[in-house]
Structures are given as C-alpha cells and as structure tokens.
C-alpha atoms as a PDB file:
ATOM      1  CA  UNK A   1      70.275  43.839  67.150  1.00  0.00           C
ATOM      2  CA  UNK A   2      68.575  45.872  69.816  1.00  0.00           C
ATOM      3  CA  UNK A   3      69.414  49.529  70.619  1.00  0.00           C
ATOM      4  CA  UNK A   4      68.986  50.949  74.065  1.00  0.00           C
ATOM      5  CA  UNK A   5      67.822  54.506  73.847  1.00  0.00           C
ATOM      6  CA  UNK A   6      67.671  57.128  76.528  1.00  0.00           C
ATOM      7  CA  UNK A   7      64.427  58.865  77.157  1.00  0.00           C
ATOM      8  CA  UNK A   8      64.351  62.565  76.424  1.00  0.00           C
ATOM      9  CA  UNK A   9      63.141  65.223  78.873  1.00  0.00           C
ATOM     10  CA  UNK A  10      59.893  65.387  76.934  1.00  0.00           C
ATOM     11  CA  UNK A  11      59.065  61.753  77.585  1.00  0.00           C
ATOM     12  CA  UNK A  12      56.056  60.707  79.610  1.00  0.00           C
ATOM     13  CA  UNK A  13      56.361  59.884  83.285  1.00  0.00           C
ATOM     14  CA  UNK A  14      55.250  56.471  84.317  1.00  0.00           C
ATOM     15  CA  UNK A  15      53.323  57.927  87.271  1.00  0.00           C
ATOM     16  CA  UNK A  16      50.924  60.292  85.587  1.00  0.00           C
ATOM     17  CA  UNK A  17      51.486  59.680  81.877  1.00  0.00           C
ATOM     18  CA  UNK A  18      51.702  63.339  80.960  1.00  0.00           C
ATOM     19  CA  UNK A  19      54.597  65.278  79.458  1.00  0.00           C
ATOM     20  CA  UNK A  20      57.187  66.461  81.982  1.00  0.00           C
ATOM     21  CA  UNK A  21      56.821  70.104  81.060  1.00  0.00           C
ATOM     22  CA  UNK A  22      53.054  70.029  80.823  1.00  0.00           C
ATOM     23  CA  UNK A  23      50.866  71.913  83.263  1.00  0.00           C
ATOM     24  CA  UNK A  24      50.244  69.980  86.488  1.00  0.00           C
ATOM     25  CA  UNK A  25      47.117  67.968  86.890  1.00  0.00           C
ATOM     26  CA  UNK A  26      44.579  69.230  89.363  1.00  0.00           C
ATOM     27  CA  UNK A  27      45.808  68.525  92.889  1.00  0.00           C
ATOM     28  CA  UNK A  28      49.171  67.145  91.673  1.00  0.00           C
ATOM     29  CA  UNK A  29      52.669  68.498  92.297  1.00  0.00           C
ATOM     30  CA  UNK A  30      54.181  70.913  89.785  1.00  0.00           C
ATOM     31  CA  UNK A  31      57.019  69.908  87.524  1.00  0.00           C
ATOM     32  CA  UNK A  32      59.373  72.271  89.398  1.00  0.00           C
ATOM     33  CA  UNK A  33      59.068  70.555  92.758  1.00  0.00           C
ATOM     34  CA  UNK A  34      59.527  67.133  91.168  1.00  0.00           C
ATOM     35  CA  UNK A  35      62.569  68.477  89.329  1.00  0.00           C
ATOM     36  CA  UNK A  36      64.111  69.920  92.545  1.00  0.00           C
ATOM     37  CA  UNK A  37      63.631  66.633  94.374  1.00  0.00           C
ATOM     38  CA  UNK A  38      65.350  64.682  91.647  1.00  0.00           C
ATOM     39  CA  UNK A  39      68.216  67.144  90.983  1.00  0.00           C
ATOM     40  CA  UNK A  40      69.489  67.247  94.605  1.00  0.00           C
ATOM     41  CA  UNK A  41      69.641  71.101  94.737  1.00  0.00           C
ATOM     42  CA  UNK A  42      70.174  73.021  97.971  1.00  0.00           C
ATOM     43  CA  UNK A  43      67.396  74.643  99.911  1.00  0.00           C
ATOM     44  CA  UNK A  44      67.543  78.235 101.163  1.00  0.00           C
ATOM     45  CA  UNK A  45      68.203  77.050 104.727  1.00  0.00           C
ATOM     46  CA  UNK A  46      71.166  74.965 103.581  1.00  0.00           C
ATOM     47  CA  UNK A  47      72.582  77.912 101.624  1.00  0.00           C
ATOM     48  CA  UNK A  48      72.178  80.226 104.621  1.00  0.00           C
ATOM     49  CA  UNK A  49      73.926  77.737 106.929  1.00  0.00           C
ATOM     50  CA  UNK A  50      76.787  77.486 104.436  1.00  0.00           C
ATOM     51  CA  UNK A  51      77.045  81.281 104.323  1.00  0.00           C
ATOM     52  CA  UNK A  52      77.118  81.461 108.150  1.00  0.00           C
ATOM     53  CA  UNK A  53      79.864  78.816 108.382  1.00  0.00           C
ATOM     54  CA  UNK A  54      81.881  80.594 105.680  1.00  0.00           C
ATOM     55  CA  UNK A  55      81.422  83.907 107.500  1.00  0.00           C
ATOM     56  CA  UNK A  56      82.636  82.455 110.806  1.00  0.00           C
ATOM     57  CA  UNK A  57      85.705  80.940 109.171  1.00  0.00           C
ATOM     58  CA  UNK A  58      86.485  84.201 107.373  1.00  0.00           C
ATOM     59  CA  UNK A  59      86.030  86.236 110.577  1.00  0.00           C
ATOM     60  CA  UNK A  60      88.404  83.897 112.439  1.00  0.00           C
ATOM     61  CA  UNK A  61      91.032  84.139 109.734  1.00  0.00           C
ATOM     62  CA  UNK A  62      90.729  87.919 109.574  1.00  0.00           C
ATOM     63  CA  UNK A  63      91.047  88.232 113.367  1.00  0.00           C
ATOM     64  CA  UNK A  64      94.104  85.984 113.338  1.00  0.00           C
ATOM     65  CA  UNK A  65      95.683  88.061 110.594  1.00  0.00           C
ATOM     66  CA  UNK A  66      95.033  91.307 112.491  1.00  0.00           C
ATOM     67  CA  UNK A  67      96.551  89.858 115.670  1.00  0.00           C
ATOM     68  CA  UNK A  68      99.586  88.634 113.721  1.00  0.00           C
ATOM     69  CA  UNK A  69     100.169  92.089 112.239  1.00  0.00           C
ATOM     70  CA  UNK A  70      99.811  93.666 115.703  1.00  0.00           C
ATOM     71  CA  UNK A  71     102.338  91.220 117.192  1.00  0.00           C
ATOM     72  CA  UNK A  72     104.822  91.970 114.408  1.00  0.00           C
ATOM     73  CA  UNK A  73     104.393  95.719 114.963  1.00  0.00           C
ATOM     74  CA  UNK A  74     104.937  95.274 118.705  1.00  0.00           C
ATOM     75  CA  UNK A  75     108.075  93.200 118.122  1.00  0.00           C
ATOM     76  CA  UNK A  76     109.455  95.804 115.732  1.00  0.00           C
ATOM     77  CA  UNK A  77     108.834  98.569 118.272  1.00  0.00           C
ATOM     78  CA  UNK A  78     110.433  96.641 121.142  1.00  0.00           C
ATOM     79  CA  UNK A  79     113.506  95.870 119.034  1.00  0.00           C
ATOM     80  CA  UNK A  80     113.840  99.489 117.949  1.00  0.00           C
ATOM     81  CA  UNK A  81     113.447 100.758 121.532  1.00  0.00           C
ATOM     82  CA  UNK A  82     116.079  98.288 122.758  1.00  0.00           C
ATOM     83  CA  UNK A  83     118.479  99.629 120.122  1.00  0.00           C
ATOM     84  CA  UNK A  84     117.753 103.241 121.109  1.00  0.00           C
ATOM     85  CA  UNK A  85     118.359 102.489 124.799  1.00  0.00           C
ATOM     86  CA  UNK A  86     121.529 100.513 124.080  1.00  0.00           C
ATOM     87  CA  UNK A  87     123.016 103.213 121.859  1.00  0.00           C
ATOM     88  CA  UNK A  88     122.315 106.002 124.344  1.00  0.00           C
ATOM     89  CA  UNK A  89     123.613 104.005 127.330  1.00  0.00           C
ATOM     90  CA  UNK A  90     126.812 103.113 125.469  1.00  0.00           C
ATOM     91  CA  UNK A  91     127.192 106.744 124.426  1.00  0.00           C
ATOM     92  CA  UNK A  92     127.003 107.892 128.048  1.00  0.00           C
ATOM     93  CA  UNK A  93     129.253 105.086 129.357  1.00  0.00           C
ATOM     94  CA  UNK A  94     132.072 106.182 127.072  1.00  0.00           C
ATOM     95  CA  UNK A  95     132.011 109.799 128.376  1.00  0.00           C
ATOM     96  CA  UNK A  96     134.583 110.993 130.865  1.00  0.00           C
ATOM     97  CA  UNK A  97     133.569 111.888 134.404  1.00  0.00           C
ATOM     98  CA  UNK A  98     134.118 115.578 133.641  1.00  0.00           C
ATOM     99  CA  UNK A  99     131.702 115.331 130.695  1.00  0.00           C
ATOM    100  CA  UNK A 100     129.103 113.590 132.860  1.00  0.00           C
ATOM    101  CA  UNK A 101     129.363 116.402 135.426  1.00  0.00           C
ATOM    102  CA  UNK A 102     128.215 118.894 132.751  1.00  0.00           C
ATOM    103  CA  UNK A 103     125.247 116.800 131.522  1.00  0.00           C
ATOM    104  CA  UNK A 104     121.820 118.157 132.517  1.00  0.00           C
ATOM    105  CA  UNK A 105     120.044 116.264 135.310  1.00  0.00           C
ATOM    106  CA  UNK A 106     116.866 115.632 133.284  1.00  0.00           C
ATOM    107  CA  UNK A 107     116.675 116.111 129.529  1.00  0.00           C
ATOM    108  CA  UNK A 108     115.104 114.757 126.403  1.00  0.00           C
ATOM    109  CA  UNK A 109     117.374 113.137 123.842  1.00  0.00           C
ATOM    110  CA  UNK A 110     116.918 112.388 120.172  1.00  0.00           C
ATOM    111  CA  UNK A 111     117.405 108.877 118.836  1.00  0.00           C
ATOM    112  CA  UNK A 112     119.875 108.153 116.081  1.00  0.00           C
ATOM    113  CA  UNK A 113     119.341 109.996 112.763  1.00  0.00           C
ATOM    114  CA  UNK A 114     118.470 106.697 111.039  1.00  0.00           C
ATOM    115  CA  UNK A 115     115.708 106.034 113.568  1.00  0.00           C
ATOM    116  CA  UNK A 116     114.374 109.574 113.230  1.00  0.00           C
ATOM    117  CA  UNK A 117     114.359 109.304 109.434  1.00  0.00           C
ATOM    118  CA  UNK A 118     112.363 106.056 109.465  1.00  0.00           C
ATOM    119  CA  UNK A 119     110.060 106.491 112.476  1.00  0.00           C
ATOM    120  CA  UNK A 120     109.882 110.277 112.764  1.00  0.00           C
ATOM    121  CA  UNK A 121     108.775 111.428 116.207  1.00  0.00           C
ATOM    122  CA  UNK A 122     107.095 108.136 117.155  1.00  0.00           C
ATOM    123  CA  UNK A 123     109.417 107.669 120.152  1.00  0.00           C
ATOM    124  CA  UNK A 124     109.786 110.118 123.027  1.00  0.00           C
ATOM    125  CA  UNK A 125     113.154 109.685 124.723  1.00  0.00           C
ATOM    126  CA  UNK A 126     114.179 111.016 128.148  1.00  0.00           C
ATOM    127  CA  UNK A 127     117.462 110.827 130.085  1.00  0.00           C
ATOM    128  CA  UNK A 128     117.801 111.316 133.844  1.00  0.00           C
ATOM    129  CA  UNK A 129     121.332 111.529 135.201  1.00  0.00           C
ATOM    130  CA  UNK A 130     121.517 112.194 138.919  1.00  0.00           C
ATOM    131  CA  UNK A 131     124.111 112.028 141.682  1.00  0.00           C
ATOM    132  CA  UNK A 132     123.835 108.951 143.859  1.00  0.00           C
ATOM    133  CA  UNK A 133     127.058 109.342 145.843  1.00  0.00           C
ATOM    134  CA  UNK A 134     130.106 111.593 145.457  1.00  0.00           C
ATOM    135  CA  UNK A 135     131.721 109.276 142.917  1.00  0.00           C
ATOM    136  CA  UNK A 136     128.612 107.576 141.545  1.00  0.00           C
ATOM    137  CA  UNK A 137     125.794 108.668 139.198  1.00  0.00           C
ATOM    138  CA  UNK A 138     122.454 107.047 138.493  1.00  0.00           C
ATOM    139  CA  UNK A 139     121.346 106.828 134.857  1.00  0.00           C
ATOM    140  CA  UNK A 140     117.710 106.259 133.867  1.00  0.00           C
ATOM    141  CA  UNK A 141     116.770 106.204 130.180  1.00  0.00           C
ATOM    142  CA  UNK A 142     113.092 106.112 129.237  1.00  0.00           C
ATOM    143  CA  UNK A 143     111.492 105.644 125.812  1.00  0.00           C
ATOM    144  CA  UNK A 144     107.724 106.076 125.381  1.00  0.00           C
ATOM    145  CA  UNK A 145     105.528 105.513 122.327  1.00  0.00           C
ATOM    146  CA  UNK A 146     101.955 104.752 121.248  1.00  0.00           C
ATOM    147  CA  UNK A 147     101.178 101.776 119.046  1.00  0.00           C
ATOM    148  CA  UNK A 148      98.711 101.706 116.147  1.00  0.00           C
ATOM    149  CA  UNK A 149      95.833 101.006 118.555  1.00  0.00           C
ATOM    150  CA  UNK A 150      96.693 104.069 120.629  1.00  0.00           C
ATOM    151  CA  UNK A 151      97.989 102.054 123.592  1.00  0.00           C
ATOM    152  CA  UNK A 152     100.867 103.777 125.400  1.00  0.00           C
ATOM    153  CA  UNK A 153     104.074 101.796 125.984  1.00  0.00           C
ATOM    154  CA  UNK A 154     107.198 102.632 127.941  1.00  0.00           C
ATOM    155  CA  UNK A 155     110.575 100.947 128.446  1.00  0.00           C
ATOM    156  CA  UNK A 156     113.265 101.993 130.914  1.00  0.00           C
ATOM    157  CA  UNK A 157     116.953 101.331 131.299  1.00  0.00           C
ATOM    158  CA  UNK A 158     118.499 101.820 134.746  1.00  0.00           C
ATOM    159  CA  UNK A 159     122.239 101.816 135.424  1.00  0.00           C
ATOM    160  CA  UNK A 160     124.953 103.273 137.664  1.00  0.00           C
ATOM    161  CA  UNK A 161     128.117 105.039 136.546  1.00  0.00           C
ATOM    162  CA  UNK A 162     131.192 105.453 138.733  1.00  0.00           C
ATOM    163  CA  UNK A 163     134.109 107.850 138.601  1.00  0.00           C
ATOM    164  CA  UNK A 164     136.650 105.142 137.818  1.00  0.00           C
ATOM    165  CA  UNK A 165     134.282 103.124 135.655  1.00  0.00           C
ATOM    166  CA  UNK A 166     134.355 101.795 132.117  1.00  0.00           C
ATOM    167  CA  UNK A 167     134.764 105.202 130.477  1.00  0.00           C
ATOM    168  CA  UNK A 168     138.181 105.679 132.120  1.00  0.00           C
ATOM    169  CA  UNK A 169     139.225 102.164 131.144  1.00  0.00           C
ATOM    170  CA  UNK A 170     138.290 102.806 127.498  1.00  0.00           C
ATOM    171  CA  UNK A 171     140.215 106.085 127.305  1.00  0.00           C
ATOM    172  CA  UNK A 172     143.303 104.820 129.182  1.00  0.00           C
ATOM    173  CA  UNK A 173     143.536 101.526 127.319  1.00  0.00           C
ATOM    174  CA  UNK A 174     143.738 103.001 123.805  1.00  0.00           C
END
C-alpha cells in the first residue's frame, strides 16, 4: 500500500534545490517574492484602487442621505406652513364684518400654540388686511422661515373677503 504525502513548507524546491526559507542564492529571487507570486496577494496599487472605489461609493451614499434628510425637512416645513396659513385664513373668514373693520391693516400674527411649542420662533407670520372696495377686503397672509442651510423661504396666501361672505352664512345658519 502506497501513501501519498504532502510536502511540508521546509521541503526543497525543484528549481533550485534549496530550502524554501533559506537565504537566496546569489542573483536569485528572494523567498518573499516567490511566496507573494504564489499566494495571489494584492499589490499596493490594487489596494489603493479598492480604497478609491470604496470612498466614491461611500461619498455617493452620504450625499444621497444628506439630500434625503434635506427633502424631508423641506416637506415638513411646507406642510407646517400650509397648516399655519389654513388656520389663520379660516380664523379670519369666520369673523364678522364689524370685527374685520377693527383688525389692523398690517400686523404680525403668532401661529397656533402647538406650533410655537414645537418649532419656537422658526416661522415669521404676517397678515395684511386692506380695503379693496367698500364691501370687499383683501387678505394676504405671509409665512417666512430659514431652513437648516440658511436659505430663506416664503409662502403666501391671497384671498378676498366680502361683507355678505361666508362669515355671515356661518353665523346666520347656526
């Protein structure tokens, strides 16, 4: 019966018949370079290219994440501003004509207490209520704010109120 044995690392190479870990022969390659060729290791250039590719992928993912967070913040702000404008416009529409006559022409207004508690003074709100005709008023609501990048934003709501408008209907109907 014949046994097949594996050669150990200390066996002799067929090429130069000297131990693998022995000092190189004069003019011959060192054991390290022969070992690197046989092991399939990566060179420094290959490692650097891998690092560059990884860096580009990571930078792209990070940029995408930052843009996603910015878009979500913008959406939240636009939704909140729409709610502020809607609440204030509905508040004014339900006032009687006599109440509207006493409103100041141009004044700042505070958003709802819930909005102020959550967002503080992030939003600057302004109301302009002017006479258009004898029985008609023009309402302009403006909300301004700065986002996290420092970019200024502004949204406006423009409407007309009449003497026999929706406010009278609401009070007479109930």
